[in-house]
Amino acid sequence: MAQNSFEQIRQHVMSLEDDFSKFYDKGNKAAGTRIRKGMQELKELAQKIRLEVQGMKNTED
């Protein structure tokens, strides 16, 4: 599961690459909106992984 979670994060970040370029290099405001949405999704994914890791850690004790 952990490898799958890491791969999800990696793929998600890579999917935002074009929008980062459009926003920072070309000033495309719509790309900025997509970045913000994507970063919120990344935050939610990271939280899910944190809870998973914490749960696994707690069950080992």
N, C-alpha and C. Protein backbone atom coordinates (compact mmCIF):
# COMPACT_ATOMS: atom_id res chain seq x y z
N MET A 1 0.82 -1.21 0.00
CA MET A 1 0.00 0.00 0.00
C MET A 1 0.85 1.25 0.00
N ALA A 2 1.95 1.25 0.78
CA ALA A 2 2.78 2.45 0.89
C ALA A 2 3.38 2.84 -0.45
N GLN A 3 3.87 1.87 -1.21
CA GLN A 3 4.45 2.18 -2.51
C GLN A 3 3.39 2.77 -3.43
N ASN A 4 2.18 2.23 -3.36
CA ASN A 4 1.09 2.74 -4.17
C ASN A 4 0.77 4.19 -3.79
N SER A 5 0.78 4.49 -2.50
CA SER A 5 0.50 5.85 -2.03
C SER A 5 1.57 6.82 -2.51
N PHE A 6 2.81 6.40 -2.42
CA PHE A 6 3.90 7.24 -2.90
C PHE A 6 3.77 7.50 -4.40
N GLU A 7 3.43 6.47 -5.15
CA GLU A 7 3.26 6.61 -6.59
C GLU A 7 2.11 7.56 -6.92
N GLN A 8 1.04 7.49 -6.13
CA GLN A 8 -0.08 8.41 -6.33
C GLN A 8 0.36 9.86 -6.16
N ILE A 9 1.14 10.12 -5.12
CA ILE A 9 1.62 11.47 -4.88
C ILE A 9 2.52 11.93 -6.02
N ARG A 10 3.43 11.06 -6.43
CA ARG A 10 4.36 11.41 -7.50
C ARG A 10 3.60 11.73 -8.79
N GLN A 11 2.65 10.88 -9.15
CA GLN A 11 1.88 11.10 -10.36
C GLN A 11 1.05 12.38 -10.27
N HIS A 12 0.50 12.64 -9.10
CA HIS A 12 -0.32 13.84 -8.93
C HIS A 12 0.53 15.10 -9.11
N VAL A 13 1.70 15.11 -8.50
CA VAL A 13 2.58 16.28 -8.64
C VAL A 13 2.99 16.45 -10.10
N MET A 14 3.34 15.36 -10.76
CA MET A 14 3.75 15.46 -12.16
C MET A 14 2.60 15.93 -13.06
N SER A 15 1.38 15.61 -12.69
CA SER A 15 0.23 16.03 -13.50
C SER A 15 0.04 17.55 -13.44
N LEU A 16 0.60 18.19 -12.43
CA LEU A 16 0.47 19.64 -12.28
C LEU A 16 1.59 20.42 -12.99
N GLU A 17 2.56 19.71 -13.52
CA GLU A 17 3.74 20.37 -14.10
C GLU A 17 3.39 21.38 -15.18
N ASP A 18 2.52 21.03 -16.10
CA ASP A 18 2.16 21.95 -17.18
C ASP A 18 1.49 23.21 -16.64
N ASP A 19 0.61 23.03 -15.66
CA ASP A 19 -0.08 24.19 -15.09
C ASP A 19 0.89 25.11 -14.36
N PHE A 20 1.89 24.54 -13.68
CA PHE A 20 2.90 25.38 -13.03
C PHE A 20 3.62 26.22 -14.06
N SER A 21 3.99 25.61 -15.16
CA SER A 21 4.68 26.34 -16.23
C SER A 21 3.78 27.43 -16.81
N LYS A 22 2.54 27.09 -17.09
CA LYS A 22 1.61 28.08 -17.64
C LYS A 22 1.39 29.25 -16.70
N PHE A 23 1.30 28.95 -15.40
CA PHE A 23 1.04 30.02 -14.44
C PHE A 23 2.27 30.89 -14.20
N TYR A 24 3.40 30.25 -13.86
CA TYR A 24 4.58 31.02 -13.47
C TYR A 24 5.32 31.63 -14.67
N ASP A 25 5.32 30.94 -15.80
CA ASP A 25 6.06 31.45 -16.95
C ASP A 25 5.22 32.33 -17.86
N LYS A 26 3.92 32.04 -17.95
CA LYS A 26 3.07 32.75 -18.90
C LYS A 26 1.99 33.60 -18.24
N GLY A 27 1.85 33.47 -16.92
CA GLY A 27 0.86 34.28 -16.21
C GLY A 27 -0.58 33.85 -16.42
N ASN A 28 -0.82 32.61 -16.80
CA ASN A 28 -2.16 32.11 -17.05
C ASN A 28 -2.90 31.91 -15.72
N LYS A 29 -3.90 32.75 -15.47
CA LYS A 29 -4.61 32.72 -14.19
C LYS A 29 -5.44 31.45 -14.01
N ALA A 30 -5.98 30.91 -15.08
CA ALA A 30 -6.75 29.67 -14.98
C ALA A 30 -5.86 28.51 -14.53
N ALA A 31 -4.62 28.53 -14.99
CA ALA A 31 -3.67 27.49 -14.56
C ALA A 31 -3.42 27.63 -13.05
N GLY A 32 -3.39 28.85 -12.54
CA GLY A 32 -3.22 29.07 -11.11
C GLY A 32 -4.36 28.46 -10.31
N THR A 33 -5.57 28.57 -10.84
CA THR A 33 -6.74 27.97 -10.18
C THR A 33 -6.60 26.45 -10.16
N ARG A 34 -6.15 25.89 -11.28
CA ARG A 34 -5.96 24.43 -11.34
C ARG A 34 -4.86 23.99 -10.38
N ILE A 35 -3.82 24.79 -10.23
CA ILE A 35 -2.74 24.47 -9.28
C ILE A 35 -3.29 24.44 -7.87
N ARG A 36 -4.06 25.46 -7.51
CA ARG A 36 -4.62 25.52 -6.15
C ARG A 36 -5.50 24.31 -5.88
N LYS A 37 -6.33 23.94 -6.84
CA LYS A 37 -7.18 22.76 -6.70
C LYS A 37 -6.32 21.50 -6.55
N GLY A 38 -5.32 21.38 -7.39
CA GLY A 38 -4.44 20.22 -7.33
C GLY A 38 -3.68 20.13 -6.03
N MET A 39 -3.26 21.26 -5.50
CA MET A 39 -2.54 21.27 -4.23
C MET A 39 -3.46 20.90 -3.08
N GLN A 40 -4.72 21.28 -3.16
CA GLN A 40 -5.70 20.88 -2.13
C GLN A 40 -5.88 19.37 -2.16
N GLU A 41 -5.97 18.80 -3.37
CA GLU A 41 -6.10 17.36 -3.50
C GLU A 41 -4.85 16.66 -2.95
N LEU A 42 -3.69 17.25 -3.20
CA LEU A 42 -2.44 16.70 -2.68
C LEU A 42 -2.43 16.72 -1.15
N LYS A 43 -2.92 17.80 -0.59
CA LYS A 43 -3.01 17.91 0.87
C LYS A 43 -3.90 16.81 1.44
N GLU A 44 -5.02 16.56 0.79
CA GLU A 44 -5.95 15.52 1.25
C GLU A 44 -5.32 14.13 1.13
N LEU A 45 -4.59 13.90 0.05
CA LEU A 45 -3.91 12.62 -0.13
C LEU A 45 -2.83 12.44 0.93
N ALA A 46 -2.08 13.50 1.20
CA ALA A 46 -1.04 13.44 2.22
C ALA A 46 -1.64 13.15 3.60
N GLN A 47 -2.76 13.76 3.91
CA GLN A 47 -3.43 13.51 5.20
C GLN A 47 -3.87 12.06 5.31
N LYS A 48 -4.40 11.52 4.23
CA LYS A 48 -4.82 10.12 4.21
C LYS A 48 -3.62 9.21 4.50
N ILE A 49 -2.49 9.50 3.89
CA ILE A 49 -1.28 8.71 4.11
C ILE A 49 -0.79 8.86 5.54
N ARG A 50 -0.83 10.08 6.08
CA ARG A 50 -0.41 10.30 7.46
C ARG A 50 -1.23 9.45 8.42
N LEU A 51 -2.54 9.42 8.21
CA LEU A 51 -3.42 8.63 9.07
C LEU A 51 -3.14 7.14 8.92
N GLU A 52 -2.87 6.71 7.69
CA GLU A 52 -2.53 5.31 7.45
C GLU A 52 -1.25 4.92 8.18
N VAL A 53 -0.23 5.76 8.07
CA VAL A 53 1.05 5.49 8.72
C VAL A 53 0.87 5.48 10.24
N GLN A 54 0.15 6.44 10.76
CA GLN A 54 -0.08 6.50 12.20
C GLN A 54 -0.81 5.25 12.69
N GLY A 55 -1.81 4.83 11.93
CA GLY A 55 -2.55 3.63 12.30
C GLY A 55 -1.67 2.39 12.30
N MET A 56 -0.82 2.26 11.30
CA MET A 56 0.09 1.11 11.23
C MET A 56 1.09 1.16 12.38
N LYS A 57 1.56 2.35 12.69
CA LYS A 57 2.53 2.52 13.77
C LYS A 57 1.90 2.14 15.10
N ASN A 58 0.69 2.56 15.32
CA ASN A 58 0.01 2.29 16.59
C ASN A 58 -0.32 0.82 16.77
N THR A 59 -0.56 0.10 15.68
CA THR A 59 -0.90 -1.32 15.80
C THR A 59 0.33 -2.18 16.06
N GLU A 60 1.52 -1.64 15.80
CA GLU A 60 2.75 -2.39 16.03
C GLU A 60 3.09 -2.48 17.51
N ASP A 61 2.62 -1.53 18.30
CA ASP A 61 2.95 -1.51 19.73
C ASP A 61 2.28 -2.59 20.51
